Amino acid sequence: MRIAVVGPCASGKTALAERLQKLGYEARECTQEHSYAPTMWQKISKPDVLIYLDASLPAIAERRSADWSEEYLTVQNRRLSHARSHCDLYIQTGGLSEEEVLERALDFLKGLELNK
């Protein structure tokens, strides 16, 4: 099973992909600038499962020391709602530990394996 991990959470994508690899999954992260666009990533790598890790936009703005306007945030929210509707698993990472993110991903993947 090929797994692509996408979204704006750079460190979270790396950590999840690495931990899934250690458990024997063929997982990789999308490191391109527009990794939040799952439809693009699906066309590039054709994964069996697309996992989208999302941080809240205000958290991203704070981390980047950006002062984003309400208009920009509205546009980004529209883009992210499109992303959420095109992934297999969406995880809002705010307030979750790396372990909790991994547990959610594994629960989803185990469910897929059981339904084969």
PDB file of N, CA and C in Angstrom:
ATOM      1  N   MET A   1       0.857  -1.176   0.000  1.00  0.00           N
ATOM      2  CA  MET A   1       0.000   0.000   0.000  1.00  0.00           C
ATOM      3  C   MET A   1       0.902   1.239   0.000  1.00  0.00           C
ATOM      4  N   ARG A   2       0.760   2.080  -1.026  1.00  0.00           N
ATOM      5  CA  ARG A   2       1.543   3.312  -1.117  1.00  0.00           C
ATOM      6  C   ARG A   2       0.770   4.453  -0.467  1.00  0.00           C
ATOM      7  N   ILE A   3       1.441   5.157   0.436  1.00  0.00           N
ATOM      8  CA  ILE A   3       0.807   6.224   1.208  1.00  0.00           C
ATOM      9  C   ILE A   3       1.541   7.525   0.948  1.00  0.00           C
ATOM     10  N   ALA A   4       0.788   8.573   0.641  1.00  0.00           N
ATOM     11  CA  ALA A   4       1.352   9.917   0.513  1.00  0.00           C
ATOM     12  C   ALA A   4       0.816  10.757   1.662  1.00  0.00           C
ATOM     13  N   VAL A   5       1.713  11.492   2.310  1.00  0.00           N
ATOM     14  CA  VAL A   5       1.335  12.377   3.411  1.00  0.00           C
ATOM     15  C   VAL A   5       1.522  13.805   2.920  1.00  0.00           C
ATOM     16  N   VAL A   6       0.442  14.569   2.900  1.00  0.00           N
ATOM     17  CA  VAL A   6       0.468  15.932   2.379  1.00  0.00           C
ATOM     18  C   VAL A   6      -0.084  16.902   3.409  1.00  0.00           C
ATOM     19  N   GLY A   7       0.022  18.198   3.098  1.00  0.00           N
ATOM     20  CA  GLY A   7      -0.530  19.234   3.952  1.00  0.00           C
ATOM     21  C   GLY A   7       0.521  20.250   4.345  1.00  0.00           C
ATOM     22  N   PRO A   8       0.103  21.290   5.055  1.00  0.00           N
ATOM     23  CA  PRO A   8       1.022  22.374   5.420  1.00  0.00           C
ATOM     24  C   PRO A   8       1.898  22.086   6.633  1.00  0.00           C
ATOM     25  N   CYS A   9       1.763  20.930   7.259  1.00  0.00           N
ATOM     26  CA  CYS A   9       2.527  20.604   8.469  1.00  0.00           C
ATOM     27  C   CYS A   9       3.841  19.937   8.107  1.00  0.00           C
ATOM     28  N   ALA A  10       4.873  20.716   7.844  1.00  0.00           N
ATOM     29  CA  ALA A  10       6.148  20.163   7.368  1.00  0.00           C
ATOM     30  C   ALA A  10       6.732  19.129   8.318  1.00  0.00           C
ATOM     31  N   SER A  11       6.916  19.486   9.579  1.00  0.00           N
ATOM     32  CA  SER A  11       7.533  18.540  10.507  1.00  0.00           C
ATOM     33  C   SER A  11       6.604  17.368  10.793  1.00  0.00           C
ATOM     34  N   GLY A  12       5.329  17.623  10.820  1.00  0.00           N
ATOM     35  CA  GLY A  12       4.366  16.546  11.056  1.00  0.00           C
ATOM     36  C   GLY A  12       4.351  15.534   9.924  1.00  0.00           C
ATOM     37  N   LYS A  13       4.467  16.008   8.674  1.00  0.00           N
ATOM     38  CA  LYS A  13       4.496  15.099   7.526  1.00  0.00           C
ATOM     39  C   LYS A  13       5.723  14.216   7.593  1.00  0.00           C
ATOM     40  N   THR A  14       6.873  14.818   7.887  1.00  0.00           N
ATOM     41  CA  THR A  14       8.122  14.063   7.961  1.00  0.00           C
ATOM     42  C   THR A  14       8.025  12.995   9.045  1.00  0.00           C
ATOM     43  N   ALA A  15       7.580  13.386  10.222  1.00  0.00           N
ATOM     44  CA  ALA A  15       7.501  12.459  11.351  1.00  0.00           C
ATOM     45  C   ALA A  15       6.553  11.308  11.053  1.00  0.00           C
ATOM     46  N   LEU A  16       5.377  11.606  10.498  1.00  0.00           N
ATOM     47  CA  LEU A  16       4.410  10.547  10.218  1.00  0.00           C
ATOM     48  C   LEU A  16       4.930   9.602   9.148  1.00  0.00           C
ATOM     49  N   ALA A  17       5.466  10.140   8.067  1.00  0.00           N
ATOM     50  CA  ALA A  17       5.983   9.280   6.992  1.00  0.00           C
ATOM     51  C   ALA A  17       7.101   8.379   7.516  1.00  0.00           C
ATOM     52  N   GLU A  18       8.014   8.928   8.298  1.00  0.00           N
ATOM     53  CA  GLU A  18       9.121   8.132   8.838  1.00  0.00           C
ATOM     54  C   GLU A  18       8.625   7.037   9.774  1.00  0.00           C
ATOM     55  N   ARG A  19       7.669   7.363  10.613  1.00  0.00           N
ATOM     56  CA  ARG A  19       7.162   6.362  11.563  1.00  0.00           C
ATOM     57  C   ARG A  19       6.385   5.264  10.848  1.00  0.00           C
ATOM     58  N   LEU A  20       5.626   5.632   9.810  1.00  0.00           N
ATOM     59  CA  LEU A  20       4.913   4.617   9.035  1.00  0.00           C
ATOM     60  C   LEU A  20       5.900   3.715   8.294  1.00  0.00           C
ATOM     61  N   GLN A  21       6.974   4.300   7.777  1.00  0.00           N
ATOM     62  CA  GLN A  21       8.006   3.504   7.095  1.00  0.00           C
ATOM     63  C   GLN A  21       8.615   2.485   8.057  1.00  0.00           C
ATOM     64  N   LYS A  22       8.898   2.911   9.282  1.00  0.00           N
ATOM     65  CA  LYS A  22       9.480   2.004  10.274  1.00  0.00           C
ATOM     66  C   LYS A  22       8.548   0.842  10.602  1.00  0.00           C
ATOM     67  N   LEU A  23       7.249   1.068  10.393  1.00  0.00           N
ATOM     68  CA  LEU A  23       6.265   0.010  10.645  1.00  0.00           C
ATOM     69  C   LEU A  23       6.000  -0.838   9.393  1.00  0.00           C
ATOM     70  N   GLY A  24       6.752  -0.564   8.332  1.00  0.00           N
ATOM     71  CA  GLY A  24       6.653  -1.382   7.128  1.00  0.00           C
ATOM     72  C   GLY A  24       5.763  -0.840   6.023  1.00  0.00           C
ATOM     73  N   TYR A  25       5.219   0.339   6.202  1.00  0.00           N
ATOM     74  CA  TYR A  25       4.374   0.937   5.163  1.00  0.00           C
ATOM     75  C   TYR A  25       5.246   1.665   4.146  1.00  0.00           C
ATOM     76  N   GLU A  26       4.795   1.692   2.915  1.00  0.00           N
ATOM     77  CA  GLU A  26       5.474   2.455   1.865  1.00  0.00           C
ATOM     78  C   GLU A  26       4.899   3.870   1.900  1.00  0.00           C
ATOM     79  N   ALA A  27       5.446   4.694   2.764  1.00  0.00           N
ATOM     80  CA  ALA A  27       4.917   6.044   2.985  1.00  0.00           C
ATOM     81  C   ALA A  27       5.958   7.080   2.592  1.00  0.00           C
ATOM     82  N   ARG A  28       5.475   8.163   2.012  1.00  0.00           N
ATOM     83  CA  ARG A  28       6.365   9.287   1.706  1.00  0.00           C
ATOM     84  C   ARG A  28       5.593  10.583   1.874  1.00  0.00           C
ATOM     85  N   GLU A  29       6.343  11.620   2.122  1.00  0.00           N
ATOM     86  CA  GLU A  29       5.722  12.932   2.306  1.00  0.00           C
ATOM     87  C   GLU A  29       5.874  13.751   1.032  1.00  0.00           C
ATOM     88  N   CYS A  30       4.945  14.638   0.833  1.00  0.00           N
ATOM     89  CA  CYS A  30       5.037  15.591  -0.274  1.00  0.00           C
ATOM     90  C   CYS A  30       5.724  16.819   0.269  1.00  0.00           C
ATOM     91  N   THR A  31       6.881  17.159  -0.301  1.00  0.00           N
ATOM     92  CA  THR A  31       7.639  18.299   0.202  1.00  0.00           C
ATOM     93  C   THR A  31       7.541  19.514  -0.693  1.00  0.00           C
ATOM     94  N   GLN A  32       6.806  19.416  -1.794  1.00  0.00           N
ATOM     95  CA  GLN A  32       6.657  20.572  -2.676  1.00  0.00           C
ATOM     96  C   GLN A  32       5.943  21.705  -1.962  1.00  0.00           C
ATOM     97  N   GLU A  33       6.158  22.901  -2.469  1.00  0.00           N
ATOM     98  CA  GLU A  33       5.543  24.091  -1.883  1.00  0.00           C
ATOM     99  C   GLU A  33       4.025  23.949  -1.774  1.00  0.00           C
ATOM    100  N   HIS A  34       3.412  23.356  -2.769  1.00  0.00           N
ATOM    101  CA  HIS A  34       1.946  23.257  -2.776  1.00  0.00           C
ATOM    102  C   HIS A  34       1.484  21.876  -2.332  1.00  0.00           C
ATOM    103  N   SER A  35       2.112  21.357  -1.298  1.00  0.00           N
ATOM    104  CA  SER A  35       1.754  20.024  -0.828  1.00  0.00           C
ATOM    105  C   SER A  35       0.358  19.990  -0.216  1.00  0.00           C
ATOM    106  N   TYR A  36      -0.240  21.155  -0.039  1.00  0.00           N
ATOM    107  CA  TYR A  36      -1.605  21.197   0.490  1.00  0.00           C
ATOM    108  C   TYR A  36      -2.619  20.876  -0.599  1.00  0.00           C
ATOM    109  N   ALA A  37      -2.176  20.689  -1.845  1.00  0.00           N
ATOM    110  CA  ALA A  37      -3.079  20.414  -2.964  1.00  0.00           C
ATOM    111  C   ALA A  37      -3.080  18.916  -3.266  1.00  0.00           C
ATOM    112  N   PRO A  38      -3.923  18.150  -2.565  1.00  0.00           N
ATOM    113  CA  PRO A  38      -3.882  16.710  -2.729  1.00  0.00           C
ATOM    114  C   PRO A  38      -4.219  16.244  -4.139  1.00  0.00           C
ATOM    115  N   THR A  39      -5.043  16.982  -4.861  1.00  0.00           N
ATOM    116  CA  THR A  39      -5.371  16.533  -6.216  1.00  0.00           C
ATOM    117  C   THR A  39      -4.128  16.532  -7.090  1.00  0.00           C
ATOM    118  N   MET A  40      -3.239  17.500  -6.908  1.00  0.00           N
ATOM    119  CA  MET A  40      -1.988  17.528  -7.656  1.00  0.00           C
ATOM    120  C   MET A  40      -1.108  16.349  -7.250  1.00  0.00           C
ATOM    121  N   TRP A  41      -0.996  16.115  -5.952  1.00  0.00           N
ATOM    122  CA  TRP A  41      -0.132  15.051  -5.470  1.00  0.00           C
ATOM    123  C   TRP A  41      -0.655  13.683  -5.902  1.00  0.00           C
ATOM    124  N   GLN A  42      -1.964  13.507  -5.976  1.00  0.00           N
ATOM    125  CA  GLN A  42      -2.521  12.241  -6.446  1.00  0.00           C
ATOM    126  C   GLN A  42      -2.113  11.981  -7.888  1.00  0.00           C
ATOM    127  N   LYS A  43      -2.088  13.019  -8.696  1.00  0.00           N
ATOM    128  CA  LYS A  43      -1.701  12.865 -10.096  1.00  0.00           C
ATOM    129  C   LYS A  43      -0.222  12.547 -10.226  1.00  0.00           C
ATOM    130  N   ILE A  44       0.600  13.104  -9.340  1.00  0.00           N
ATOM    131  CA  ILE A  44       2.049  12.905  -9.425  1.00  0.00           C
ATOM    132  C   ILE A  44       2.442  11.497  -8.962  1.00  0.00           C
ATOM    133  N   SER A  45       2.019  11.109  -7.775  1.00  0.00           N
ATOM    134  CA  SER A  45       2.519   9.859  -7.198  1.00  0.00           C
ATOM    135  C   SER A  45       1.526   8.710  -7.231  1.00  0.00           C
ATOM    136  N   LYS A  46       0.266   9.006  -7.519  1.00  0.00           N
ATOM    137  CA  LYS A  46      -0.783   7.992  -7.561  1.00  0.00           C
ATOM    138  C   LYS A  46      -0.752   7.060  -6.336  1.00  0.00           C
ATOM    139  N   PRO A  47      -0.890   7.634  -5.143  1.00  0.00           N
ATOM    140  CA  PRO A  47      -0.864   6.804  -3.934  1.00  0.00           C
ATOM    141  C   PRO A  47      -2.168   6.010  -3.796  1.00  0.00           C
ATOM    142  N   ASP A  48      -2.084   4.934  -3.010  1.00  0.00           N
ATOM    143  CA  ASP A  48      -3.290   4.178  -2.670  1.00  0.00           C
ATOM    144  C   ASP A  48      -4.073   4.914  -1.582  1.00  0.00           C
ATOM    145  N   VAL A  49      -3.336   5.603  -0.709  1.00  0.00           N
ATOM    146  CA  VAL A  49      -3.943   6.346   0.404  1.00  0.00           C
ATOM    147  C   VAL A  49      -3.291   7.719   0.488  1.00  0.00           C
ATOM    148  N   LEU A  50      -4.114   8.723   0.609  1.00  0.00           N
ATOM    149  CA  LEU A  50      -3.624  10.093   0.757  1.00  0.00           C
ATOM    150  C   LEU A  50      -4.029  10.601   2.130  1.00  0.00           C
ATOM    151  N   ILE A  51      -3.048  10.902   2.961  1.00  0.00           N
ATOM    152  CA  ILE A  51      -3.292  11.414   4.309  1.00  0.00           C
ATOM    153  C   ILE A  51      -2.947  12.898   4.314  1.00  0.00           C
ATOM    154  N   TYR A  52      -3.895  13.699   4.759  1.00  0.00           N
ATOM    155  CA  TYR A  52      -3.711  15.149   4.798  1.00  0.00           C
ATOM    156  C   TYR A  52      -3.596  15.600   6.250  1.00  0.00           C
ATOM    157  N   LEU A  53      -2.426  16.158   6.601  1.00  0.00           N
ATOM    158  CA  LEU A  53      -2.221  16.711   7.942  1.00  0.00           C
ATOM    159  C   LEU A  53      -2.416  18.212   7.871  1.00  0.00           C
ATOM    160  N   ASP A  54      -3.273  18.721   8.707  1.00  0.00           N
ATOM    161  CA  ASP A  54      -3.609  20.139   8.643  1.00  0.00           C
ATOM    162  C   ASP A  54      -3.366  20.816   9.982  1.00  0.00           C
ATOM    163  N   ALA A  55      -2.712  21.941   9.929  1.00  0.00           N
ATOM    164  CA  ALA A  55      -2.596  22.813  11.099  1.00  0.00           C
ATOM    165  C   ALA A  55      -3.579  23.950  10.870  1.00  0.00           C
ATOM    166  N   SER A  56      -4.023  24.577  11.918  1.00  0.00           N
ATOM    167  CA  SER A  56      -4.935  25.700  11.734  1.00  0.00           C
ATOM    168  C   SER A  56      -4.183  26.848  11.060  1.00  0.00           C
ATOM    169  N   LEU A  57      -4.883  27.578  10.218  1.00  0.00           N
ATOM    170  CA  LEU A  57      -4.247  28.698   9.523  1.00  0.00           C
ATOM    171  C   LEU A  57      -3.672  29.736  10.480  1.00  0.00           C
ATOM    172  N   PRO A  58      -4.367  30.095  11.548  1.00  0.00           N
ATOM    173  CA  PRO A  58      -3.750  31.042  12.493  1.00  0.00           C
ATOM    174  C   PRO A  58      -2.453  30.496  13.095  1.00  0.00           C
ATOM    175  N   ALA A  59      -2.390  29.173  13.339  1.00  0.00           N
ATOM    176  CA  ALA A  59      -1.160  28.582  13.883  1.00  0.00           C
ATOM    177  C   ALA A  59      -0.031  28.663  12.863  1.00  0.00           C
ATOM    178  N   ILE A  60      -0.346  28.434  11.597  1.00  0.00           N
ATOM    179  CA  ILE A  60       0.671  28.528  10.543  1.00  0.00           C
ATOM    180  C   ILE A  60       1.155  29.971  10.422  1.00  0.00           C
ATOM    181  N   ALA A  61       0.218  30.919  10.435  1.00  0.00           N
ATOM    182  CA  ALA A  61       0.588  32.327  10.332  1.00  0.00           C
ATOM    183  C   ALA A  61       1.496  32.730  11.490  1.00  0.00           C
ATOM    184  N   GLU A  62       1.157  32.259  12.695  1.00  0.00           N
ATOM    185  CA  GLU A  62       1.979  32.592  13.864  1.00  0.00           C
ATOM    186  C   GLU A  62       3.374  31.987  13.736  1.00  0.00           C
ATOM    187  N   ARG A  63       3.449  30.723  13.305  1.00  0.00           N
ATOM    188  CA  ARG A  63       4.740  30.047  13.148  1.00  0.00           C
ATOM    189  C   ARG A  63       5.614  30.754  12.122  1.00  0.00           C
ATOM    190  N   ARG A  64       4.998  31.300  11.078  1.00  0.00           N
ATOM    191  CA  ARG A  64       5.752  31.990  10.028  1.00  0.00           C
ATOM    192  C   ARG A  64       5.890  33.479  10.301  1.00  0.00           C
ATOM    193  N   SER A  65       5.415  33.931  11.439  1.00  0.00           N
ATOM    194  CA  SER A  65       5.418  35.353  11.784  1.00  0.00           C
ATOM    195  C   SER A  65       4.774  36.179  10.680  1.00  0.00           C
ATOM    196  N   ALA A  66       3.667  35.671  10.165  1.00  0.00           N
ATOM    197  CA  ALA A  66       2.947  36.347   9.084  1.00  0.00           C
ATOM    198  C   ALA A  66       1.719  37.045   9.649  1.00  0.00           C
ATOM    199  N   ASP A  67       1.381  38.141   9.065  1.00  0.00           N
ATOM    200  CA  ASP A  67       0.181  38.875   9.437  1.00  0.00           C
ATOM    201  C   ASP A  67      -0.784  38.781   8.259  1.00  0.00           C
ATOM    202  N   TRP A  68      -1.544  37.685   8.210  1.00  0.00           N
ATOM    203  CA  TRP A  68      -2.424  37.441   7.075  1.00  0.00           C
ATOM    204  C   TRP A  68      -3.745  38.166   7.242  1.00  0.00           C
ATOM    205  N   SER A  69      -4.199  38.742   6.162  1.00  0.00           N
ATOM    206  CA  SER A  69      -5.474  39.452   6.177  1.00  0.00           C
ATOM    207  C   SER A  69      -6.621  38.444   6.239  1.00  0.00           C
ATOM    208  N   GLU A  70      -7.783  38.926   6.630  1.00  0.00           N
ATOM    209  CA  GLU A  70      -8.976  38.074   6.666  1.00  0.00           C
ATOM    210  C   GLU A  70      -9.295  37.546   5.269  1.00  0.00           C
ATOM    211  N   GLU A  71      -9.076  38.380   4.251  1.00  0.00           N
ATOM    212  CA  GLU A  71      -9.335  37.966   2.873  1.00  0.00           C
ATOM    213  C   GLU A  71      -8.426  36.788   2.485  1.00  0.00           C
ATOM    214  N   TYR A  72      -7.145  36.888   2.830  1.00  0.00           N
ATOM    215  CA  TYR A  72      -6.204  35.812   2.521  1.00  0.00           C
ATOM    216  C   TYR A  72      -6.598  34.528   3.258  1.00  0.00           C
ATOM    217  N   LEU A  73      -6.967  34.655   4.527  1.00  0.00           N
ATOM    218  CA  LEU A  73      -7.382  33.490   5.298  1.00  0.00           C
ATOM    219  C   LEU A  73      -8.629  32.847   4.697  1.00  0.00           C
ATOM    220  N   THR A  74      -9.556  33.649   4.193  1.00  0.00           N
ATOM    221  CA  THR A  74     -10.761  33.125   3.551  1.00  0.00           C
ATOM    222  C   THR A  74     -10.400  32.318   2.307  1.00  0.00           C
ATOM    223  N   VAL A  75      -9.499  32.851   1.498  1.00  0.00           N
ATOM    224  CA  VAL A  75      -9.050  32.135   0.290  1.00  0.00           C
ATOM    225  C   VAL A  75      -8.373  30.822   0.682  1.00  0.00           C
ATOM    226  N   GLN A  76      -7.511  30.862   1.686  1.00  0.00           N
ATOM    227  CA  GLN A  76      -6.825  29.648   2.130  1.00  0.00           C
ATOM    228  C   GLN A  76      -7.817  28.627   2.682  1.00  0.00           C
ATOM    229  N   ASN A  77      -8.816  29.087   3.417  1.00  0.00           N
ATOM    230  CA  ASN A  77      -9.826  28.168   3.949  1.00  0.00           C
ATOM    231  C   ASN A  77     -10.585  27.476   2.831  1.00  0.00           C
ATOM    232  N   ARG A  78     -10.893  28.204   1.757  1.00  0.00           N
ATOM    233  CA  ARG A  78     -11.556  27.581   0.595  1.00  0.00           C
ATOM    234  C   ARG A  78     -10.662  26.512  -0.008  1.00  0.00           C
ATOM    235  N   ARG A  79      -9.387  26.842  -0.167  1.00  0.00           N
ATOM    236  CA  ARG A  79      -8.435  25.896  -0.732  1.00  0.00           C
ATOM    237  C   ARG A  79      -8.338  24.649   0.137  1.00  0.00           C
ATOM    238  N   LEU A  80      -8.287  24.852   1.444  1.00  0.00           N
ATOM    239  CA  LEU A  80      -8.171  23.722   2.356  1.00  0.00           C
ATOM    240  C   LEU A  80      -9.437  22.878   2.391  1.00  0.00           C
ATOM    241  N   SER A  81     -10.599  23.482   2.230  1.00  0.00           N
ATOM    242  CA  SER A  81     -11.826  22.683   2.204  1.00  0.00           C
ATOM    243  C   SER A  81     -11.827  21.792   0.969  1.00  0.00           C
ATOM    244  N   HIS A  82     -11.281  22.286  -0.147  1.00  0.00           N
ATOM    245  CA  HIS A  82     -11.126  21.458  -1.343  1.00  0.00           C
ATOM    246  C   HIS A  82     -10.170  20.305  -1.033  1.00  0.00           C
ATOM    247  N   ALA A  83      -9.077  20.598  -0.357  1.00  0.00           N
ATOM    248  CA  ALA A  83      -8.093  19.578  -0.015  1.00  0.00           C
ATOM    249  C   ALA A  83      -8.718  18.492   0.859  1.00  0.00           C
ATOM    250  N   ARG A  84      -9.481  18.917   1.868  1.00  0.00           N
ATOM    251  CA  ARG A  84     -10.100  17.954   2.775  1.00  0.00           C
ATOM    252  C   ARG A  84     -11.026  17.002   2.032  1.00  0.00           C
ATOM    253  N   SER A  85     -11.708  17.500   1.013  1.00  0.00           N
ATOM    254  CA  SER A  85     -12.665  16.652   0.303  1.00  0.00           C
ATOM    255  C   SER A  85     -12.005  15.698  -0.682  1.00  0.00           C
ATOM    256  N   HIS A  86     -10.692  15.836  -0.906  1.00  0.00           N
ATOM    257  CA  HIS A  86     -10.005  14.980  -1.876  1.00  0.00           C
ATOM    258  C   HIS A  86      -8.951  14.068  -1.251  1.00  0.00           C
ATOM    259  N   CYS A  87      -8.963  13.927   0.048  1.00  0.00           N
ATOM    260  CA  CYS A  87      -7.996  13.032   0.684  1.00  0.00           C
ATOM    261  C   CYS A  87      -8.748  11.842   1.284  1.00  0.00           C
ATOM    262  N   ASP A  88      -8.006  10.804   1.596  1.00  0.00           N
ATOM    263  CA  ASP A  88      -8.614   9.625   2.209  1.00  0.00           C
ATOM    264  C   ASP A  88      -8.750   9.781   3.717  1.00  0.00           C
ATOM    265  N   LEU A  89      -7.760  10.450   4.316  1.00  0.00           N
ATOM    266  CA  LEU A  89      -7.786  10.688   5.758  1.00  0.00           C
ATOM    267  C   LEU A  89      -7.329  12.108   6.018  1.00  0.00           C
ATOM    268  N   TYR A  90      -8.143  12.855   6.739  1.00  0.00           N
ATOM    269  CA  TYR A  90      -7.827  14.232   7.116  1.00  0.00           C
ATOM    270  C   TYR A  90      -7.619  14.267   8.626  1.00  0.00           C
ATOM    271  N   ILE A  91      -6.472  14.798   9.048  1.00  0.00           N
ATOM    272  CA  ILE A  91      -6.195  14.908  10.484  1.00  0.00           C
ATOM    273  C   ILE A  91      -5.844  16.354  10.813  1.00  0.00           C
ATOM    274  N   GLN A  92      -6.646  16.971  11.676  1.00  0.00           N
ATOM    275  CA  GLN A  92      -6.354  18.305  12.197  1.00  0.00           C
ATOM    276  C   GLN A  92      -5.354  18.099  13.329  1.00  0.00           C
ATOM    277  N   THR A  93      -4.118  18.571  13.142  1.00  0.00           N
ATOM    278  CA  THR A  93      -3.038  18.246  14.069  1.00  0.00           C
ATOM    279  C   THR A  93      -2.963  19.150  15.296  1.00  0.00           C
ATOM    280  N   GLY A  94      -3.680  20.258  15.290  1.00  0.00           N
ATOM    281  CA  GLY A  94      -3.622  21.185  16.421  1.00  0.00           C
ATOM    282  C   GLY A  94      -3.955  20.489  17.723  1.00  0.00           C
ATOM    283  N   GLY A  95      -3.043  20.559  18.674  1.00  0.00           N
ATOM    284  CA  GLY A  95      -3.269  19.976  19.991  1.00  0.00           C
ATOM    285  C   GLY A  95      -2.980  18.480  20.079  1.00  0.00           C
ATOM    286  N   LEU A  96      -2.605  17.840  18.954  1.00  0.00           N
ATOM    287  CA  LEU A  96      -2.299  16.409  18.974  1.00  0.00           C
ATOM    288  C   LEU A  96      -0.790  16.195  19.040  1.00  0.00           C
ATOM    289  N   SER A  97      -0.386  15.181  19.768  1.00  0.00           N
ATOM    290  CA  SER A  97       1.026  14.805  19.792  1.00  0.00           C
ATOM    291  C   SER A  97       1.331  13.980  18.539  1.00  0.00           C
ATOM    292  N   GLU A  98       2.620  13.793  18.249  1.00  0.00           N
ATOM    293  CA  GLU A  98       3.003  12.943  17.108  1.00  0.00           C
ATOM    294  C   GLU A  98       2.443  11.540  17.294  1.00  0.00           C
ATOM    295  N   GLU A  99       2.422  11.075  18.518  1.00  0.00           N
ATOM    296  CA  GLU A  99       1.903   9.728  18.812  1.00  0.00           C
ATOM    297  C   GLU A  99       0.407   9.638  18.487  1.00  0.00           C
ATOM    298  N   GLU A 100      -0.344  10.670  18.841  1.00  0.00           N
ATOM    299  CA  GLU A 100      -1.783  10.675  18.567  1.00  0.00           C
ATOM    300  C   GLU A 100      -2.063  10.733  17.068  1.00  0.00           C
ATOM    301  N   VAL A 101      -1.256  11.495  16.333  1.00  0.00           N
ATOM    302  CA  VAL A 101      -1.403  11.555  14.878  1.00  0.00           C
ATOM    303  C   VAL A 101      -1.123  10.177  14.288  1.00  0.00           C
ATOM    304  N   LEU A 102      -0.058   9.532  14.742  1.00  0.00           N
ATOM    305  CA  LEU A 102       0.279   8.191  14.271  1.00  0.00           C
ATOM    306  C   LEU A 102      -0.856   7.215  14.581  1.00  0.00           C
ATOM    307  N   GLU A 103      -1.401   7.268  15.783  1.00  0.00           N
ATOM    308  CA  GLU A 103      -2.495   6.370  16.171  1.00  0.00           C
ATOM    309  C   GLU A 103      -3.701   6.547  15.252  1.00  0.00           C
ATOM    310  N   ARG A 104      -4.057   7.769  14.930  1.00  0.00           N
ATOM    311  CA  ARG A 104      -5.197   8.009  14.035  1.00  0.00           C
ATOM    312  C   ARG A 104      -4.930   7.445  12.647  1.00  0.00           C
ATOM    313  N   ALA A 105      -3.708   7.644  12.165  1.00  0.00           N
ATOM    314  CA  ALA A 105      -3.351   7.115  10.844  1.00  0.00           C
ATOM    315  C   ALA A 105      -3.383   5.584  10.858  1.00  0.00           C
ATOM    316  N   LEU A 106      -2.810   4.982  11.892  1.00  0.00           N
ATOM    317  CA  LEU A 106      -2.793   3.519  11.971  1.00  0.00           C
ATOM    318  C   LEU A 106      -4.191   2.927  12.096  1.00  0.00           C
ATOM    319  N   ASP A 107      -5.051   3.561  12.887  1.00  0.00           N
ATOM    320  CA  ASP A 107      -6.440   3.090  12.999  1.00  0.00           C
ATOM    321  C   ASP A 107      -7.109   3.087  11.633  1.00  0.00           C
ATOM    322  N   PHE A 108      -6.899   4.150  10.868  1.00  0.00           N
ATOM    323  CA  PHE A 108      -7.487   4.248   9.532  1.00  0.00           C
ATOM    324  C   PHE A 108      -6.915   3.161   8.617  1.00  0.00           C
ATOM    325  N   LEU A 109      -5.598   3.007   8.619  1.00  0.00           N
ATOM    326  CA  LEU A 109      -4.954   2.025   7.741  1.00  0.00           C
ATOM    327  C   LEU A 109      -5.354   0.596   8.108  1.00  0.00           C
ATOM    328  N   LYS A 110      -5.451   0.311   9.390  1.00  0.00           N
ATOM    329  CA  LYS A 110      -5.889  -1.024   9.817  1.00  0.00           C
ATOM    330  C   LYS A 110      -7.316  -1.294   9.374  1.00  0.00           C
ATOM    331  N   GLY A 111      -8.156  -0.277   9.426  1.00  0.00           N
ATOM    332  CA  GLY A 111      -9.527  -0.421   8.941  1.00  0.00           C
ATOM    333  C   GLY A 111      -9.573  -0.747   7.458  1.00  0.00           C
ATOM    334  N   LEU A 112      -8.701  -0.113   6.691  1.00  0.00           N
ATOM    335  CA  LEU A 112      -8.626  -0.418   5.253  1.00  0.00           C
ATOM    336  C   LEU A 112      -8.174  -1.848   5.015  1.00  0.00           C
ATOM    337  N   GLU A 113      -7.185  -2.272   5.790  1.00  0.00           N
ATOM    338  CA  GLU A 113      -6.658  -3.634   5.634  1.00  0.00           C
ATOM    339  C   GLU A 113      -7.702  -4.678   5.997  1.00  0.00           C
ATOM    340  N   LEU A 114      -8.523  -4.400   6.998  1.00  0.00           N
ATOM    341  CA  LEU A 114      -9.571  -5.334   7.405  1.00  0.00           C
ATOM    342  C   LEU A 114     -10.668  -5.456   6.353  1.00  0.00           C
ATOM    343  N   ASN A 115     -10.884  -4.366   5.612  1.00  0.00           N
ATOM    344  CA  ASN A 115     -11.968  -4.352   4.627  1.00  0.00           C
ATOM    345  C   ASN A 115     -11.546  -4.850   3.251  1.00  0.00           C
ATOM    346  N   LYS A 116     -10.328  -5.340   3.131  1.00  0.00           N
ATOM    347  CA  LYS A 116      -9.877  -5.854   1.830  1.00  0.00           C
ATOM    348  C   LYS A 116     -10.584  -7.115   1.462  1.00  0.00           C
TER     349      LYS A 116
END
